[in-house]
């Protein structure tokens, strides 16, 4: 009887480990979606109407500037607050007036 009891608990622990492994892979697969934020790789501003920008402040912290025109942001390496990441904002399509 004791050997059967050990086998039962071994099987339970085996299936629990399999379920935990499956849950881990499932969680990673769900959270691996690509971010819309893009790293700044050049000093050229993106071609868009509006962008969200993450900059490094003078004291070393990060700051996000929401919905700004790309020409209003300094994308150069020598900027006082250099751009780290940016995200192109997609503006909603203008709605048609209802009669």
PDB file of N, CA and C in Angstrom:
ATOM      1  N   UNK A   1       0.823  -1.195   0.000  1.00  0.00           N
ATOM      2  CA  UNK A   1       0.000   0.000   0.000  1.00  0.00           C
ATOM      3  C   UNK A   1       0.868   1.260   0.000  1.00  0.00           C
ATOM      4  N   UNK A   2       1.994   1.237   0.721  1.00  0.00           N
ATOM      5  CA  UNK A   2       2.809   2.433   0.789  1.00  0.00           C
ATOM      6  C   UNK A   2       3.380   2.792  -0.577  1.00  0.00           C
ATOM      7  N   UNK A   3       3.788   1.808  -1.359  1.00  0.00           N
ATOM      8  CA  UNK A   3       4.344   2.090  -2.682  1.00  0.00           C
ATOM      9  C   UNK A   3       3.292   2.737  -3.585  1.00  0.00           C
ATOM     10  N   UNK A   4       2.057   2.307  -3.472  1.00  0.00           N
ATOM     11  CA  UNK A   4       0.986   2.914  -4.251  1.00  0.00           C
ATOM     12  C   UNK A   4       0.751   4.363  -3.849  1.00  0.00           C
ATOM     13  N   UNK A   5       0.879   4.673  -2.580  1.00  0.00           N
ATOM     14  CA  UNK A   5       0.701   6.029  -2.096  1.00  0.00           C
ATOM     15  C   UNK A   5       1.801   6.950  -2.639  1.00  0.00           C
ATOM     16  N   UNK A   6       3.052   6.497  -2.678  1.00  0.00           N
ATOM     17  CA  UNK A   6       4.144   7.280  -3.231  1.00  0.00           C
ATOM     18  C   UNK A   6       3.938   7.511  -4.723  1.00  0.00           C
ATOM     19  N   UNK A   7       3.474   6.513  -5.424  1.00  0.00           N
ATOM     20  CA  UNK A   7       3.228   6.655  -6.861  1.00  0.00           C
ATOM     21  C   UNK A   7       2.143   7.692  -7.122  1.00  0.00           C
ATOM     22  N   UNK A   8       1.111   7.682  -6.300  1.00  0.00           N
ATOM     23  CA  UNK A   8       0.021   8.647  -6.454  1.00  0.00           C
ATOM     24  C   UNK A   8       0.550  10.076  -6.301  1.00  0.00           C
ATOM     25  N   UNK A   9       1.329  10.341  -5.251  1.00  0.00           N
ATOM     26  CA  UNK A   9       1.853  11.683  -5.025  1.00  0.00           C
ATOM     27  C   UNK A   9       2.881  12.078  -6.083  1.00  0.00           C
ATOM     28  N   UNK A  10       3.636  11.113  -6.574  1.00  0.00           N
ATOM     29  CA  UNK A  10       4.585  11.398  -7.650  1.00  0.00           C
ATOM     30  C   UNK A  10       3.834  11.844  -8.902  1.00  0.00           C
ATOM     31  N   UNK A  11       2.767  11.147  -9.242  1.00  0.00           N
ATOM     32  CA  UNK A  11       1.981  11.529 -10.416  1.00  0.00           C
ATOM     33  C   UNK A  11       1.320  12.897 -10.229  1.00  0.00           C
ATOM     34  N   UNK A  12       0.815  13.165  -9.046  1.00  0.00           N
ATOM     35  CA  UNK A  12       0.201  14.470  -8.776  1.00  0.00           C
ATOM     36  C   UNK A  12       1.235  15.580  -8.962  1.00  0.00           C
ATOM     37  N   UNK A  13       2.420  15.411  -8.376  1.00  0.00           N
ATOM     38  CA  UNK A  13       3.461  16.436  -8.492  1.00  0.00           C
ATOM     39  C   UNK A  13       3.942  16.581  -9.938  1.00  0.00           C
ATOM     40  N   UNK A  14       4.004  15.492 -10.666  1.00  0.00           N
ATOM     41  CA  UNK A  14       4.408  15.536 -12.067  1.00  0.00           C
ATOM     42  C   UNK A  14       3.418  16.370 -12.875  1.00  0.00           C
ATOM     43  N   UNK A  15       2.128  16.139 -12.696  1.00  0.00           N
ATOM     44  CA  UNK A  15       1.113  16.882 -13.444  1.00  0.00           C
ATOM     45  C   UNK A  15       1.044  18.353 -13.007  1.00  0.00           C
ATOM     46  N   UNK A  16       1.287  18.618 -11.741  1.00  0.00           N
ATOM     47  CA  UNK A  16       1.327  20.003 -11.275  1.00  0.00           C
ATOM     48  C   UNK A  16       2.489  20.741 -11.939  1.00  0.00           C
ATOM     49  N   UNK A  17       3.642  20.099 -12.036  1.00  0.00           N
ATOM     50  CA  UNK A  17       4.794  20.714 -12.707  1.00  0.00           C
ATOM     51  C   UNK A  17       4.506  20.966 -14.176  1.00  0.00           C
ATOM     52  N   UNK A  18       3.861  20.037 -14.844  1.00  0.00           N
ATOM     53  CA  UNK A  18       3.507  20.207 -16.254  1.00  0.00           C
ATOM     54  C   UNK A  18       2.550  21.388 -16.409  1.00  0.00           C
ATOM     55  N   UNK A  19       1.551  21.503 -15.523  1.00  0.00           N
ATOM     56  CA  UNK A  19       0.611  22.616 -15.589  1.00  0.00           C
ATOM     57  C   UNK A  19       1.297  23.954 -15.327  1.00  0.00           C
ATOM     58  N   UNK A  20       2.223  24.002 -14.372  1.00  0.00           N
ATOM     59  CA  UNK A  20       2.958  25.233 -14.107  1.00  0.00           C
ATOM     60  C   UNK A  20       3.836  25.630 -15.294  1.00  0.00           C
ATOM     61  N   UNK A  21       4.455  24.662 -15.921  1.00  0.00           N
ATOM     62  CA  UNK A  21       5.267  24.925 -17.099  1.00  0.00           C
ATOM     63  C   UNK A  21       4.405  25.467 -18.238  1.00  0.00           C
ATOM     64  N   UNK A  22       3.252  24.861 -18.449  1.00  0.00           N
ATOM     65  CA  UNK A  22       2.326  25.331 -19.476  1.00  0.00           C
ATOM     66  C   UNK A  22       1.857  26.751 -19.166  1.00  0.00           C
ATOM     67  N   UNK A  23       1.525  27.030 -17.916  1.00  0.00           N
ATOM     68  CA  UNK A  23       1.064  28.360 -17.527  1.00  0.00           C
ATOM     69  C   UNK A  23       2.154  29.402 -17.752  1.00  0.00           C
ATOM     70  N   UNK A  24       3.398  29.061 -17.474  1.00  0.00           N
ATOM     71  CA  UNK A  24       4.510  29.981 -17.681  1.00  0.00           C
ATOM     72  C   UNK A  24       4.670  30.316 -19.157  1.00  0.00           C
ATOM     73  N   UNK A  25       4.663  29.308 -20.019  1.00  0.00           N
ATOM     74  CA  UNK A  25       4.797  29.545 -21.453  1.00  0.00           C
ATOM     75  C   UNK A  25       3.610  30.331 -21.997  1.00  0.00           C
ATOM     76  N   UNK A  26       2.418  30.040 -21.505  1.00  0.00           N
ATOM     77  CA  UNK A  26       1.227  30.754 -21.954  1.00  0.00           C
ATOM     78  C   UNK A  26       1.306  32.224 -21.547  1.00  0.00           C
ATOM     79  N   UNK A  27       1.738  32.497 -20.321  1.00  0.00           N
ATOM     80  CA  UNK A  27       1.860  33.872 -19.840  1.00  0.00           C
ATOM     81  C   UNK A  27       2.888  34.645 -20.655  1.00  0.00           C
ATOM     82  N   UNK A  28       4.027  34.028 -20.957  1.00  0.00           N
ATOM     83  CA  UNK A  28       5.055  34.688 -21.750  1.00  0.00           C
ATOM     84  C   UNK A  28       4.588  34.933 -23.171  1.00  0.00           C
ATOM     85  N   UNK A  29       3.830  34.003 -23.739  1.00  0.00           N
ATOM     86  CA  UNK A  29       3.337  34.167 -25.101  1.00  0.00           C
ATOM     87  C   UNK A  29       2.325  35.305 -25.176  1.00  0.00           C
ATOM     88  N   UNK A  30       1.502  35.451 -24.161  1.00  0.00           N
ATOM     89  CA  UNK A  30       0.502  36.519 -24.154  1.00  0.00           C
ATOM     90  C   UNK A  30       1.136  37.880 -23.962  1.00  0.00           C
ATOM     91  N   UNK A  31       2.228  37.960 -23.243  1.00  0.00           N
ATOM     92  CA  UNK A  31       2.850  39.241 -22.935  1.00  0.00           C
ATOM     93  C   UNK A  31       3.994  39.612 -23.870  1.00  0.00           C
ATOM     94  N   UNK A  32       4.207  38.860 -24.919  1.00  0.00           N
ATOM     95  CA  UNK A  32       5.330  39.146 -25.799  1.00  0.00           C
ATOM     96  C   UNK A  32       4.913  39.976 -27.007  1.00  0.00           C
ATOM     97  N   UNK A  33       3.786  40.669 -26.911  1.00  0.00           N
ATOM     98  CA  UNK A  33       3.361  41.526 -27.998  1.00  0.00           C
ATOM     99  C   UNK A  33       4.354  42.664 -28.154  1.00  0.00           C
ATOM    100  N   UNK A  34       4.521  43.121 -29.381  1.00  0.00           N
ATOM    101  CA  UNK A  34       5.478  44.186 -29.634  1.00  0.00           C
ATOM    102  C   UNK A  34       4.928  45.518 -29.166  1.00  0.00           C
ATOM    103  N   UNK A  35       5.807  46.315 -28.655  1.00  0.00           N
ATOM    104  CA  UNK A  35       5.443  47.638 -28.185  1.00  0.00           C
ATOM    105  C   UNK A  35       5.448  48.609 -29.358  1.00  0.00           C
ATOM    106  N   UNK A  36       4.619  49.642 -29.270  1.00  0.00           N
ATOM    107  CA  UNK A  36       4.578  50.661 -30.316  1.00  0.00           C
ATOM    108  C   UNK A  36       5.705  51.678 -30.147  1.00  0.00           C
ATOM    109  N   UNK A  37       6.389  51.637 -28.992  1.00  0.00           N
ATOM    110  CA  UNK A  37       7.495  52.556 -28.767  1.00  0.00           C
ATOM    111  C   UNK A  37       8.693  52.127 -29.612  1.00  0.00           C
ATOM    112  N   UNK A  38       9.350  53.091 -30.253  1.00  0.00           N
ATOM    113  CA  UNK A  38      10.502  52.817 -31.111  1.00  0.00           C
ATOM    114  C   UNK A  38      11.718  53.545 -30.544  1.00  0.00           C
ATOM    115  N   UNK A  39      12.849  52.861 -30.554  1.00  0.00           N
ATOM    116  CA  UNK A  39      14.094  53.487 -30.102  1.00  0.00           C
ATOM    117  C   UNK A  39      14.551  54.502 -31.145  1.00  0.00           C
ATOM    118  N   UNK A  40      15.070  55.616 -30.678  1.00  0.00           N
ATOM    119  CA  UNK A  40      15.612  56.616 -31.615  1.00  0.00           C
ATOM    120  C   UNK A  40      16.942  56.106 -32.148  1.00  0.00           C
ATOM    121  N   UNK A  41      17.033  55.960 -33.456  1.00  0.00           N
ATOM    122  CA  UNK A  41      18.252  55.437 -34.063  1.00  0.00           C
ATOM    123  C   UNK A  41      18.952  56.463 -34.936  1.00  0.00           C
ATOM    124  N   UNK A  42      18.299  57.592 -35.191  1.00  0.00           N
ATOM    125  CA  UNK A  42      18.917  58.641 -35.998  1.00  0.00           C
ATOM    126  C   UNK A  42      18.464  59.991 -35.471  1.00  0.00           C
ATOM    127  N   UNK A  43      19.035  61.046 -36.045  1.00  0.00           N
ATOM    128  CA  UNK A  43      18.677  62.394 -35.632  1.00  0.00           C
ATOM    129  C   UNK A  43      17.551  62.965 -36.470  1.00  0.00           C
ATOM    130  N   UNK A  44      16.949  62.143 -37.314  1.00  0.00           N
ATOM    131  CA  UNK A  44      15.864  62.587 -38.182  1.00  0.00           C
ATOM    132  C   UNK A  44      14.533  62.338 -37.473  1.00  0.00           C
ATOM    133  N   UNK A  45      13.715  63.364 -37.426  1.00  0.00           N
ATOM    134  CA  UNK A  45      12.394  63.239 -36.805  1.00  0.00           C
ATOM    135  C   UNK A  45      11.495  62.382 -37.688  1.00  0.00           C
ATOM    136  N   UNK A  46      10.627  61.581 -37.103  1.00  0.00           N
ATOM    137  CA  UNK A  46       9.738  60.752 -37.910  1.00  0.00           C
ATOM    138  C   UNK A  46       8.714  61.598 -38.653  1.00  0.00           C
ATOM    139  N   UNK A  47       8.228  61.053 -39.744  1.00  0.00           N
ATOM    140  CA  UNK A  47       7.229  61.734 -40.550  1.00  0.00           C
ATOM    141  C   UNK A  47       5.843  61.376 -40.012  1.00  0.00           C
ATOM    142  N   UNK A  48       5.314  62.230 -39.167  1.00  0.00           N
ATOM    143  CA  UNK A  48       4.005  61.990 -38.564  1.00  0.00           C
ATOM    144  C   UNK A  48       3.417  63.325 -38.138  1.00  0.00           C
ATOM    145  N   UNK A  49       2.122  63.327 -37.890  1.00  0.00           N
ATOM    146  CA  UNK A  49       1.476  64.555 -37.421  1.00  0.00           C
ATOM    147  C   UNK A  49       1.763  64.786 -35.942  1.00  0.00           C
ATOM    148  N   UNK A  50       1.677  63.725 -35.146  1.00  0.00           N
ATOM    149  CA  UNK A  50       1.954  63.827 -33.719  1.00  0.00           C
ATOM    150  C   UNK A  50       2.693  62.591 -33.259  1.00  0.00           C
ATOM    151  N   UNK A  51       3.527  62.772 -32.218  1.00  0.00           N
ATOM    152  CA  UNK A  51       4.233  61.649 -31.608  1.00  0.00           C
ATOM    153  C   UNK A  51       4.205  61.820 -30.096  1.00  0.00           C
ATOM    154  N   UNK A  52       4.382  60.719 -29.399  1.00  0.00           N
ATOM    155  CA  UNK A  52       4.665  60.728 -27.966  1.00  0.00           C
ATOM    156  C   UNK A  52       6.165  60.487 -27.844  1.00  0.00           C
ATOM    157  N   UNK A  53       6.823  61.216 -26.952  1.00  0.00           N
ATOM    158  CA  UNK A  53       8.279  61.166 -26.866  1.00  0.00           C
ATOM    159  C   UNK A  53       8.694  60.895 -25.429  1.00  0.00           C
ATOM    160  N   UNK A  54       9.670  60.005 -25.250  1.00  0.00           N
ATOM    161  CA  UNK A  54      10.293  59.787 -23.954  1.00  0.00           C
ATOM    162  C   UNK A  54      11.689  60.389 -24.015  1.00  0.00           C
ATOM    163  N   UNK A  55      11.961  61.343 -23.136  1.00  0.00           N
ATOM    164  CA  UNK A  55      13.252  62.026 -23.132  1.00  0.00           C
ATOM    165  C   UNK A  55      13.965  61.796 -21.806  1.00  0.00           C
ATOM    166  N   UNK A  56      15.285  61.988 -21.825  1.00  0.00           N
ATOM    167  CA  UNK A  56      16.099  61.913 -20.606  1.00  0.00           C
ATOM    168  C   UNK A  56      16.316  63.351 -20.138  1.00  0.00           C
ATOM    169  N   UNK A  57      15.867  63.640 -18.930  1.00  0.00           N
ATOM    170  CA  UNK A  57      15.995  65.001 -18.402  1.00  0.00           C
ATOM    171  C   UNK A  57      17.435  65.265 -17.960  1.00  0.00           C
ATOM    172  N   UNK A  58      17.695  66.512 -17.605  1.00  0.00           N
ATOM    173  CA  UNK A  58      19.053  66.903 -17.202  1.00  0.00           C
ATOM    174  C   UNK A  58      19.512  66.186 -15.943  1.00  0.00           C
ATOM    175  N   UNK A  59      18.571  65.862 -15.051  1.00  0.00           N
ATOM    176  CA  UNK A  59      18.950  65.165 -13.817  1.00  0.00           C
ATOM    177  C   UNK A  59      18.950  63.642 -13.969  1.00  0.00           C
ATOM    178  N   UNK A  60      18.768  63.137 -15.190  1.00  0.00           N
ATOM    179  CA  UNK A  60      18.894  61.705 -15.452  1.00  0.00           C
ATOM    180  C   UNK A  60      17.600  60.916 -15.423  1.00  0.00           C
ATOM    181  N   UNK A  61      16.500  61.562 -15.057  1.00  0.00           N
ATOM    182  CA  UNK A  61      15.225  60.849 -15.035  1.00  0.00           C
ATOM    183  C   UNK A  61      14.601  60.817 -16.425  1.00  0.00           C
ATOM    184  N   UNK A  62      13.571  60.005 -16.582  1.00  0.00           N
ATOM    185  CA  UNK A  62      12.847  59.926 -17.843  1.00  0.00           C
ATOM    186  C   UNK A  62      11.567  60.739 -17.740  1.00  0.00           C
ATOM    187  N   UNK A  63      11.194  61.355 -18.851  1.00  0.00           N
ATOM    188  CA  UNK A  63       9.976  62.154 -18.907  1.00  0.00           C
ATOM    189  C   UNK A  63       9.284  61.849 -20.227  1.00  0.00           C
ATOM    190  N   UNK A  64       7.964  61.728 -20.202  1.00  0.00           N
ATOM    191  CA  UNK A  64       7.191  61.471 -21.411  1.00  0.00           C
ATOM    192  C   UNK A  64       6.452  62.741 -21.790  1.00  0.00           C
ATOM    193  N   UNK A  65       6.566  63.113 -23.048  1.00  0.00           N
ATOM    194  CA  UNK A  65       5.849  64.257 -23.593  1.00  0.00           C
ATOM    195  C   UNK A  65       4.802  63.697 -24.552  1.00  0.00           C
ATOM    196  N   UNK A  66       3.536  63.954 -24.257  1.00  0.00           N
ATOM    197  CA  UNK A  66       2.439  63.366 -25.013  1.00  0.00           C
ATOM    198  C   UNK A  66       1.984  64.290 -26.134  1.00  0.00           C
ATOM    199  N   UNK A  67       1.684  63.701 -27.277  1.00  0.00           N
ATOM    200  CA  UNK A  67       1.057  64.363 -28.428  1.00  0.00           C
ATOM    201  C   UNK A  67       1.738  65.678 -28.797  1.00  0.00           C
ATOM    202  N   UNK A  68       2.946  65.574 -29.262  1.00  0.00           N
ATOM    203  CA  UNK A  68       3.720  66.737 -29.679  1.00  0.00           C
ATOM    204  C   UNK A  68       4.058  66.581 -31.164  1.00  0.00           C
ATOM    205  N   UNK A  69       4.214  67.695 -31.850  1.00  0.00           N
ATOM    206  CA  UNK A  69       4.606  67.649 -33.260  1.00  0.00           C
ATOM    207  C   UNK A  69       6.093  67.290 -33.330  1.00  0.00           C
ATOM    208  N   UNK A  70       6.492  66.430 -34.256  1.00  0.00           N
ATOM    209  CA  UNK A  70       7.903  65.992 -34.315  1.00  0.00           C
ATOM    210  C   UNK A  70       8.902  67.144 -34.485  1.00  0.00           C
ATOM    211  N   UNK A  71       8.497  68.227 -35.154  1.00  0.00           N
ATOM    212  CA  UNK A  71       9.420  69.347 -35.347  1.00  0.00           C
ATOM    213  C   UNK A  71       9.663  70.119 -34.052  1.00  0.00           C
ATOM    214  N   UNK A  72       8.823  69.937 -33.051  1.00  0.00           N
ATOM    215  CA  UNK A  72       8.975  70.641 -31.779  1.00  0.00           C
ATOM    216  C   UNK A  72       9.943  69.941 -30.834  1.00  0.00           C
ATOM    217  N   UNK A  73      10.443  68.777 -31.224  1.00  0.00           N
ATOM    218  CA  UNK A  73      11.335  67.986 -30.381  1.00  0.00           C
ATOM    219  C   UNK A  73      12.721  67.941 -31.029  1.00  0.00           C
ATOM    220  N   UNK A  74      13.762  68.087 -30.222  1.00  0.00           N
ATOM    221  CA  UNK A  74      15.135  68.037 -30.713  1.00  0.00           C
ATOM    222  C   UNK A  74      15.614  66.587 -30.707  1.00  0.00           C
ATOM    223  N   UNK A  75      15.792  66.002 -31.892  1.00  0.00           N
ATOM    224  CA  UNK A  75      16.229  64.614 -32.021  1.00  0.00           C
ATOM    225  C   UNK A  75      17.744  64.469 -32.102  1.00  0.00           C
ATOM    226  N   UNK A  76      18.480  65.561 -31.912  1.00  0.00           N
ATOM    227  CA  UNK A  76      19.935  65.480 -32.040  1.00  0.00           C
ATOM    228  C   UNK A  76      20.557  64.847 -30.794  1.00  0.00           C
ATOM    229  N   UNK A  77      21.782  64.374 -30.947  1.00  0.00           N
ATOM    230  CA  UNK A  77      22.505  63.771 -29.817  1.00  0.00           C
ATOM    231  C   UNK A  77      22.926  64.824 -28.789  1.00  0.00           C
ATOM    232  N   UNK A  78      23.079  66.066 -29.223  1.00  0.00           N
ATOM    233  CA  UNK A  78      23.544  67.124 -28.323  1.00  0.00           C
ATOM    234  C   UNK A  78      22.387  67.898 -27.682  1.00  0.00           C
ATOM    235  N   UNK A  79      21.175  67.372 -27.736  1.00  0.00           N
ATOM    236  CA  UNK A  79      20.009  68.062 -27.163  1.00  0.00           C
ATOM    237  C   UNK A  79      20.118  68.118 -25.645  1.00  0.00           C
ATOM    238  N   UNK A  80      19.509  69.140 -25.055  1.00  0.00           N
ATOM    239  CA  UNK A  80      19.549  69.249 -23.593  1.00  0.00           C
ATOM    240  C   UNK A  80      18.738  68.126 -22.948  1.00  0.00           C
ATOM    241  N   UNK A  81      17.677  67.708 -23.607  1.00  0.00           N
ATOM    242  CA  UNK A  81      16.899  66.551 -23.174  1.00  0.00           C
ATOM    243  C   UNK A  81      16.804  65.589 -24.359  1.00  0.00           C
ATOM    244  N   UNK A  82      17.768  64.673 -24.505  1.00  0.00           N
ATOM    245  CA  UNK A  82      17.780  63.802 -25.681  1.00  0.00           C
ATOM    246  C   UNK A  82      16.618  62.808 -25.693  1.00  0.00           C
ATOM    247  N   UNK A  83      16.150  62.511 -26.890  1.00  0.00           N
ATOM    248  CA  UNK A  83      15.042  61.578 -27.084  1.00  0.00           C
ATOM    249  C   UNK A  83      15.550  60.159 -26.917  1.00  0.00           C
ATOM    250  N   UNK A  84      14.833  59.355 -26.141  1.00  0.00           N
ATOM    251  CA  UNK A  84      15.162  57.938 -25.966  1.00  0.00           C
ATOM    252  C   UNK A  84      14.282  57.103 -26.892  1.00  0.00           C
ATOM    253  N   UNK A  85      12.972  57.262 -26.731  1.00  0.00           N
ATOM    254  CA  UNK A  85      11.984  56.509 -27.515  1.00  0.00           C
ATOM    255  C   UNK A  85      10.936  57.476 -28.032  1.00  0.00           C
ATOM    256  N   UNK A  86      10.240  57.041 -29.077  1.00  0.00           N
ATOM    257  CA  UNK A  86       9.096  57.791 -29.548  1.00  0.00           C
ATOM    258  C   UNK A  86       8.040  56.815 -30.057  1.00  0.00           C
ATOM    259  N   UNK A  87       6.803  57.291 -30.072  1.00  0.00           N
ATOM    260  CA  UNK A  87       5.694  56.489 -30.577  1.00  0.00           C
ATOM    261  C   UNK A  87       4.854  57.381 -31.473  1.00  0.00           C
ATOM    262  N   UNK A  88       4.579  56.928 -32.684  1.00  0.00           N
ATOM    263  CA  UNK A  88       3.756  57.693 -33.609  1.00  0.00           C
ATOM    264  C   UNK A  88       2.301  57.572 -33.173  1.00  0.00           C
ATOM    265  N   UNK A  89       1.655  58.712 -33.028  1.00  0.00           N
ATOM    266  CA  UNK A  89       0.258  58.748 -32.602  1.00  0.00           C
ATOM    267  C   UNK A  89      -0.618  58.675 -33.843  1.00  0.00           C
ATOM    268  N   UNK A  90      -1.514  57.727 -33.860  1.00  0.00           N
ATOM    269  CA  UNK A  90      -2.464  57.642 -34.966  1.00  0.00           C
ATOM    270  C   UNK A  90      -3.711  58.414 -34.574  1.00  0.00           C
ATOM    271  N   UNK A  91      -3.970  59.432 -35.343  1.00  0.00           N
ATOM    272  CA  UNK A  91      -5.122  60.272 -35.050  1.00  0.00           C
ATOM    273  C   UNK A  91      -6.397  59.607 -35.550  1.00  0.00           C
ATOM    274  N   UNK A  92      -7.489  59.779 -34.834  1.00  0.00           N
ATOM    275  CA  UNK A  92      -8.748  59.172 -35.301  1.00  0.00           C
ATOM    276  C   UNK A  92      -9.207  59.828 -36.591  1.00  0.00           C
ATOM    277  N   UNK A  93      -9.827  59.046 -37.440  1.00  0.00           N
ATOM    278  CA  UNK A  93     -10.341  59.556 -38.692  1.00  0.00           C
ATOM    279  C   UNK A  93     -11.473  60.544 -38.412  1.00  0.00           C
ATOM    280  N   UNK A  94     -11.512  61.625 -39.176  1.00  0.00           N
ATOM    281  CA  UNK A  94     -12.586  62.586 -38.925  1.00  0.00           C
ATOM    282  C   UNK A  94     -13.948  61.958 -39.221  1.00  0.00           C
ATOM    283  N   UNK A  95     -14.851  62.172 -38.312  1.00  0.00           N
ATOM    284  CA  UNK A  95     -16.184  61.577 -38.493  1.00  0.00           C
ATOM    285  C   UNK A  95     -17.013  62.452 -39.418  1.00  0.00           C
ATOM    286  N   UNK A  96     -17.879  61.813 -40.156  1.00  0.00           N
ATOM    287  CA  UNK A  96     -18.747  62.543 -41.077  1.00  0.00           C
ATOM    288  C   UNK A  96     -19.893  63.171 -40.285  1.00  0.00           C
ATOM    289  N   UNK A  97     -20.245  64.398 -40.634  1.00  0.00           N
ATOM    290  CA  UNK A  97     -21.349  65.028 -39.908  1.00  0.00           C
ATOM    291  C   UNK A  97     -22.672  64.319 -40.189  1.00  0.00           C
ATOM    292  N   UNK A  98     -23.451  64.163 -39.162  1.00  0.00           N
ATOM    293  CA  UNK A  98     -24.738  63.503 -39.326  1.00  0.00           C
ATOM    294  C   UNK A  98     -25.810  64.550 -39.646  1.00  0.00           C
ATOM    295  N   UNK A  99     -26.726  64.180 -40.488  1.00  0.00           N
ATOM    296  CA  UNK A  99     -27.781  65.111 -40.904  1.00  0.00           C
ATOM    297  C   UNK A  99     -28.973  65.031 -40.006  1.00  0.00           C
TER     298      UNK A  99
END
